[in-house]
Amino acid sequence: MSIELPRTAVALGIADPVEKARAELKAALAAIEEKANVPRRVDRAVDRASKRARAFAQQKPVAAAAAAAGVALAVGTVVWGFVRLYTR
């Protein structure tokens, strides 16, 4: 049975110091990539939020419709305010 390690982890039991240093460097670079890859992090956050929104809409459809109407009203009010300020 093989345990799958995350890309940012270093396997235990590496005896060779060169191999251990390479594994640590590889894990550090993977961690930096995970942290610095903003589009991937945003994509994951959007996926999580959409899953939560779908679950909320499944559980409470009336509240979800009211929330959608509230968001539409808020966006419409902001756009209307900007247009009104621009046209003055």
Protein backbone atom coordinates (compact mmCIF):
# COMPACT_ATOMS: atom_id res chain seq x y z
CA MET A 1 0.00 0.00 0.00
CA SER A 2 1.57 3.26 -1.16
CA ILE A 3 0.68 6.54 0.50
CA GLU A 4 0.37 9.45 -1.93
CA LEU A 5 2.19 12.52 -0.59
CA PRO A 6 1.26 16.06 -1.56
CA ARG A 7 3.62 17.78 -3.98
CA THR A 8 4.80 20.08 -1.20
CA ALA A 9 5.84 17.27 1.18
CA VAL A 10 9.21 15.59 1.55
CA ALA A 11 9.22 11.83 1.96
CA LEU A 12 10.69 10.46 5.18
CA GLY A 13 13.51 7.93 5.16
CA ILE A 14 15.71 9.44 2.44
CA ALA A 15 19.23 8.52 3.54
CA ASP A 16 21.28 10.16 0.78
CA PRO A 17 21.86 13.85 1.63
CA VAL A 18 21.88 14.83 -2.05
CA GLU A 19 18.56 13.11 -2.71
CA LYS A 20 17.11 14.66 0.45
CA ALA A 21 18.24 18.14 -0.64
CA ARG A 22 16.71 17.59 -4.09
CA ALA A 23 13.43 16.43 -2.56
CA GLU A 24 13.36 19.45 -0.23
CA LEU A 25 14.10 21.82 -3.12
CA LYS A 26 11.40 20.22 -5.24
CA ALA A 27 8.88 20.53 -2.39
CA ALA A 28 9.86 24.15 -1.74
CA LEU A 29 9.47 25.05 -5.41
CA ALA A 30 6.08 23.33 -5.52
CA ALA A 31 4.97 25.26 -2.43
CA ILE A 32 6.10 28.55 -3.99
CA GLU A 33 4.21 27.71 -7.18
CA GLU A 34 1.07 26.90 -5.19
CA LYS A 35 1.30 30.18 -3.31
CA ALA A 36 2.18 32.37 -6.30
CA ASN A 37 -0.24 30.90 -8.85
CA VAL A 38 -3.02 33.42 -8.28
CA PRO A 39 -5.24 32.38 -11.23
CA ARG A 40 -5.35 28.79 -9.98
CA ARG A 41 -6.13 29.94 -6.43
CA VAL A 42 -8.91 32.22 -7.70
CA ASP A 43 -10.30 29.38 -9.82
CA ARG A 44 -10.39 27.08 -6.80
CA ALA A 45 -12.07 29.76 -4.67
CA VAL A 46 -14.70 30.35 -7.35
CA ASP A 47 -15.34 26.61 -7.57
CA ARG A 48 -15.79 26.37 -3.79
CA ALA A 49 -18.11 29.39 -3.72
CA SER A 50 -20.24 28.08 -6.59
CA LYS A 51 -20.58 24.69 -4.88
CA ARG A 52 -21.70 26.40 -1.67
CA ALA A 53 -24.14 28.60 -3.60
CA ARG A 54 -25.64 25.58 -5.39
CA ALA A 55 -26.00 23.71 -2.10
CA PHE A 56 -27.65 26.76 -0.52
CA ALA A 57 -30.03 27.08 -3.49
CA GLN A 58 -30.93 23.38 -3.19
CA GLN A 59 -31.61 23.64 0.54
CA LYS A 60 -33.33 27.05 0.63
CA PRO A 61 -34.60 28.05 -2.83
CA VAL A 62 -36.70 30.99 -1.59
CA ALA A 63 -33.81 32.50 0.34
CA ALA A 64 -31.50 31.96 -2.64
CA ALA A 65 -33.94 33.76 -4.95
CA ALA A 66 -34.21 36.61 -2.45
CA ALA A 67 -30.41 36.83 -2.21
CA ALA A 68 -30.11 36.89 -6.02
CA ALA A 69 -32.71 39.65 -6.22
CA GLY A 70 -30.88 41.61 -3.52
CA VAL A 71 -27.56 41.31 -5.33
CA ALA A 72 -29.19 42.37 -8.62
CA LEU A 73 -30.77 45.36 -6.88
CA ALA A 74 -27.43 46.36 -5.31
CA VAL A 75 -25.55 46.08 -8.61
CA GLY A 76 -28.28 48.01 -10.42
CA THR A 77 -28.18 50.76 -7.80
CA VAL A 78 -24.40 51.08 -8.05
CA VAL A 79 -24.50 51.23 -11.85
CA TRP A 80 -27.32 53.76 -11.74
CA GLY A 81 -25.34 55.89 -9.28
CA PHE A 82 -22.21 55.83 -11.45
CA VAL A 83 -24.19 56.75 -14.56
CA ARG A 84 -25.93 59.55 -12.74
CA LEU A 85 -22.63 60.94 -11.47
CA TYR A 86 -21.09 60.65 -14.94
CA THR A 87 -23.93 62.42 -16.71
CA ARG A 88 -23.96 65.43 -14.38
